[in-house]
Every structure is written in structure tokens, then in C-alpha cells.
Amino acid sequence: MDDGESRIFGELPDETWFYPGHGDDSTLGEQRAHLAEWRERGW
């Protein structure tokens, strides 16, 4: 998680779209608020 957070969320703007293999497409800005939740889950 640390590596992904720094390499993706730390370098790319909130307007960056991503297209996961599961779930809905989104932007980093929409998902940034979930980082702490993901850490608590152990992701």
C-alpha cells in the first residue's frame, strides 16, 4: 500500500481516471478519501 500510495496518489493529479479490472471506473480524487479506510482493512 505504501508504494502504491506514493507512486500513484503521490504523483498523479486527482483528475486521473483509472479503469480497474473490477468495480466502476473512477478518478484518483474520488478515491483519495478512502486511503485511510483501506489501510485499516490491511490493504
PDB file of N, CA and C in Angstrom:
ATOM      1  N   MET A   1       0.824  -1.188   0.000  1.00  0.00           N
ATOM      2  CA  MET A   1       0.000   0.000   0.000  1.00  0.00           C
ATOM      3  C   MET A   1       0.867   1.250   0.000  1.00  0.00           C
ATOM      4  N   ASP A   2       1.940   1.258   0.770  1.00  0.00           N
ATOM      5  CA  ASP A   2       2.802   2.443   0.825  1.00  0.00           C
ATOM      6  C   ASP A   2       3.340   2.794  -0.557  1.00  0.00           C
ATOM      7  N   ASP A   3       3.820   1.780  -1.269  1.00  0.00           N
ATOM      8  CA  ASP A   3       4.392   2.010  -2.583  1.00  0.00           C
ATOM      9  C   ASP A   3       3.331   2.533  -3.554  1.00  0.00           C
ATOM     10  N   GLY A   4       2.178   1.902  -3.570  1.00  0.00           N
ATOM     11  CA  GLY A   4       1.106   2.347  -4.460  1.00  0.00           C
ATOM     12  C   GLY A   4       0.611   3.736  -4.117  1.00  0.00           C
ATOM     13  N   GLU A   5       0.508   4.004  -2.836  1.00  0.00           N
ATOM     14  CA  GLU A   5       0.042   5.324  -2.418  1.00  0.00           C
ATOM     15  C   GLU A   5       1.024   6.409  -2.851  1.00  0.00           C
ATOM     16  N   SER A   6       2.295   6.186  -2.654  1.00  0.00           N
ATOM     17  CA  SER A   6       3.271   7.211  -3.026  1.00  0.00           C
ATOM     18  C   SER A   6       3.458   7.309  -4.537  1.00  0.00           C
ATOM     19  N   ARG A   7       3.487   6.184  -5.229  1.00  0.00           N
ATOM     20  CA  ARG A   7       3.738   6.205  -6.672  1.00  0.00           C
ATOM     21  C   ARG A   7       2.521   6.632  -7.487  1.00  0.00           C
ATOM     22  N   ILE A   8       1.340   6.356  -7.001  1.00  0.00           N
ATOM     23  CA  ILE A   8       0.137   6.688  -7.758  1.00  0.00           C
ATOM     24  C   ILE A   8      -0.504   7.958  -7.213  1.00  0.00           C
ATOM     25  N   PHE A   9      -0.976   7.903  -5.968  1.00  0.00           N
ATOM     26  CA  PHE A   9      -1.670   9.055  -5.394  1.00  0.00           C
ATOM     27  C   PHE A   9      -0.715  10.220  -5.124  1.00  0.00           C
ATOM     28  N   GLY A  10       0.547   9.928  -4.881  1.00  0.00           N
ATOM     29  CA  GLY A  10       1.519  10.982  -4.595  1.00  0.00           C
ATOM     30  C   GLY A  10       2.032  11.708  -5.813  1.00  0.00           C
ATOM     31  N   GLU A  11       1.867  11.127  -7.000  1.00  0.00           N
ATOM     32  CA  GLU A  11       2.440  11.732  -8.199  1.00  0.00           C
ATOM     33  C   GLU A  11       1.426  12.156  -9.244  1.00  0.00           C
ATOM     34  N   LEU A  12       0.264  11.537  -9.251  1.00  0.00           N
ATOM     35  CA  LEU A  12      -0.721  11.835 -10.283  1.00  0.00           C
ATOM     36  C   LEU A  12      -1.816  12.758  -9.740  1.00  0.00           C
ATOM     37  N   PRO A  13      -2.372  13.613 -10.599  1.00  0.00           N
ATOM     38  CA  PRO A  13      -3.405  14.544 -10.141  1.00  0.00           C
ATOM     39  C   PRO A  13      -4.735  13.844  -9.868  1.00  0.00           C
ATOM     40  N   ASP A  14      -5.579  14.516  -9.106  1.00  0.00           N
ATOM     41  CA  ASP A  14      -6.894  13.980  -8.753  1.00  0.00           C
ATOM     42  C   ASP A  14      -7.758  13.693  -9.978  1.00  0.00           C
ATOM     43  N   GLU A  15      -7.521  14.367 -11.079  1.00  0.00           N
ATOM     44  CA  GLU A  15      -8.320  14.201 -12.289  1.00  0.00           C
ATOM     45  C   GLU A  15      -7.975  12.939 -13.070  1.00  0.00           C
ATOM     46  N   THR A  16      -6.963  12.194 -12.625  1.00  0.00           N
ATOM     47  CA  THR A  16      -6.523  10.985 -13.323  1.00  0.00           C
ATOM     48  C   THR A  16      -7.569   9.888 -13.199  1.00  0.00           C
ATOM     49  N   TRP A  17      -8.046   9.402 -14.342  1.00  0.00           N
ATOM     50  CA  TRP A  17      -9.005   8.295 -14.375  1.00  0.00           C
ATOM     51  C   TRP A  17      -8.263   6.974 -14.303  1.00  0.00           C
ATOM     52  N   PHE A  18      -8.871   5.979 -13.691  1.00  0.00           N
ATOM     53  CA  PHE A  18      -8.333   4.622 -13.738  1.00  0.00           C
ATOM     54  C   PHE A  18      -9.469   3.658 -14.032  1.00  0.00           C
ATOM     55  N   TYR A  19      -9.111   2.538 -14.604  1.00  0.00           N
ATOM     56  CA  TYR A  19     -10.070   1.547 -15.081  1.00  0.00           C
ATOM     57  C   TYR A  19      -9.707   0.184 -14.491  1.00  0.00           C
ATOM     58  N   PRO A  20     -10.258  -0.134 -13.305  1.00  0.00           N
ATOM     59  CA  PRO A  20      -9.889  -1.382 -12.628  1.00  0.00           C
ATOM     60  C   PRO A  20     -10.476  -2.602 -13.336  1.00  0.00           C
ATOM     61  N   GLY A  21      -9.970  -3.744 -13.019  1.00  0.00           N
ATOM     62  CA  GLY A  21     -10.495  -4.984 -13.566  1.00  0.00           C
ATOM     63  C   GLY A  21     -11.776  -5.423 -12.894  1.00  0.00           C
ATOM     64  N   HIS A  22     -12.182  -4.714 -11.846  1.00  0.00           N
ATOM     65  CA  HIS A  22     -13.424  -4.992 -11.129  1.00  0.00           C
ATOM     66  C   HIS A  22     -13.967  -3.662 -10.614  1.00  0.00           C
ATOM     67  N   GLY A  23     -15.249  -3.554 -10.426  1.00  0.00           N
ATOM     68  CA  GLY A  23     -15.837  -2.312  -9.940  1.00  0.00           C
ATOM     69  C   GLY A  23     -15.939  -1.260 -11.037  1.00  0.00           C
ATOM     70  N   ASP A  24     -16.311  -0.061 -10.630  1.00  0.00           N
ATOM     71  CA  ASP A  24     -16.529   1.028 -11.580  1.00  0.00           C
ATOM     72  C   ASP A  24     -15.259   1.825 -11.831  1.00  0.00           C
ATOM     73  N   ASP A  25     -15.193   2.445 -13.001  1.00  0.00           N
ATOM     74  CA  ASP A  25     -14.116   3.382 -13.305  1.00  0.00           C
ATOM     75  C   ASP A  25     -14.239   4.559 -12.337  1.00  0.00           C
ATOM     76  N   SER A  26     -13.141   5.233 -12.071  1.00  0.00           N
ATOM     77  CA  SER A  26     -13.167   6.331 -11.116  1.00  0.00           C
ATOM     78  C   SER A  26     -11.981   7.246 -11.359  1.00  0.00           C
ATOM     79  N   THR A  27     -11.883   8.283 -10.535  1.00  0.00           N
ATOM     80  CA  THR A  27     -10.710   9.150 -10.560  1.00  0.00           C
ATOM     81  C   THR A  27      -9.963   8.997  -9.242  1.00  0.00           C
ATOM     82  N   LEU A  28      -8.706   9.363  -9.255  1.00  0.00           N
ATOM     83  CA  LEU A  28      -7.930   9.296  -8.014  1.00  0.00           C
ATOM     84  C   LEU A  28      -8.516  10.230  -6.962  1.00  0.00           C
ATOM     85  N   GLY A  29      -9.015  11.377  -7.386  1.00  0.00           N
ATOM     86  CA  GLY A  29      -9.610  12.322  -6.440  1.00  0.00           C
ATOM     87  C   GLY A  29     -10.815  11.743  -5.730  1.00  0.00           C
ATOM     88  N   GLU A  30     -11.632  10.979  -6.441  1.00  0.00           N
ATOM     89  CA  GLU A  30     -12.805  10.368  -5.819  1.00  0.00           C
ATOM     90  C   GLU A  30     -12.397   9.303  -4.805  1.00  0.00           C
ATOM     91  N   GLN A  31     -11.286   8.643  -5.049  1.00  0.00           N
ATOM     92  CA  GLN A  31     -10.866   7.537  -4.191  1.00  0.00           C
ATOM     93  C   GLN A  31      -9.902   7.941  -3.084  1.00  0.00           C
ATOM     94  N   ARG A  32      -9.293   9.098  -3.207  1.00  0.00           N
ATOM     95  CA  ARG A  32      -8.286   9.545  -2.232  1.00  0.00           C
ATOM     96  C   ARG A  32      -8.826   9.521  -0.796  1.00  0.00           C
ATOM     97  N   ALA A  33     -10.085   9.882  -0.618  1.00  0.00           N
ATOM     98  CA  ALA A  33     -10.686   9.910   0.721  1.00  0.00           C
ATOM     99  C   ALA A  33     -10.745   8.528   1.367  1.00  0.00           C
ATOM    100  N   HIS A  34     -10.591   7.473   0.591  1.00  0.00           N
ATOM    101  CA  HIS A  34     -10.689   6.106   1.102  1.00  0.00           C
ATOM    102  C   HIS A  34      -9.340   5.518   1.535  1.00  0.00           C
ATOM    103  N   LEU A  35      -8.262   6.238   1.349  1.00  0.00           N
ATOM    104  CA  LEU A  35      -6.937   5.693   1.664  1.00  0.00           C
ATOM    105  C   LEU A  35      -6.831   5.212   3.112  1.00  0.00           C
ATOM    106  N   ALA A  36      -7.291   6.006   4.058  1.00  0.00           N
ATOM    107  CA  ALA A  36      -7.204   5.609   5.477  1.00  0.00           C
ATOM    108  C   ALA A  36      -8.039   4.357   5.737  1.00  0.00           C
ATOM    109  N   GLU A  37      -9.203   4.278   5.134  1.00  0.00           N
ATOM    110  CA  GLU A  37     -10.068   3.097   5.281  1.00  0.00           C
ATOM    111  C   GLU A  37      -9.367   1.851   4.744  1.00  0.00           C
ATOM    112  N   TRP A  38      -8.721   1.969   3.601  1.00  0.00           N
ATOM    113  CA  TRP A  38      -8.014   0.836   3.007  1.00  0.00           C
ATOM    114  C   TRP A  38      -6.889   0.376   3.899  1.00  0.00           C
ATOM    115  N   ARG A  39      -6.172   1.337   4.493  1.00  0.00           N
ATOM    116  CA  ARG A  39      -5.076   0.986   5.414  1.00  0.00           C
ATOM    117  C   ARG A  39      -5.624   0.215   6.621  1.00  0.00           C
ATOM    118  N   GLU A  40      -6.763   0.678   7.165  1.00  0.00           N
ATOM    119  CA  GLU A  40      -7.369   0.000   8.315  1.00  0.00           C
ATOM    120  C   GLU A  40      -7.763  -1.432   7.967  1.00  0.00           C
ATOM    121  N   ARG A  41      -8.157  -1.671   6.737  1.00  0.00           N
ATOM    122  CA  ARG A  41      -8.539  -3.019   6.289  1.00  0.00           C
ATOM    123  C   ARG A  41      -7.321  -3.898   6.031  1.00  0.00           C
ATOM    124  N   GLY A  42      -6.138  -3.270   6.004  1.00  0.00           N
ATOM    125  CA  GLY A  42      -4.921  -4.028   5.758  1.00  0.00           C
ATOM    126  C   GLY A  42      -4.586  -4.187   4.289  1.00  0.00           C
ATOM    127  N   TRP A  43      -5.161  -3.336   3.461  1.00  0.00           N
ATOM    128  CA  TRP A  43      -4.881  -3.429   2.018  1.00  0.00           C
ATOM    129  C   TRP A  43      -3.587  -2.754   1.683  1.00  0.00           C
TER     130      TRP A  43
END
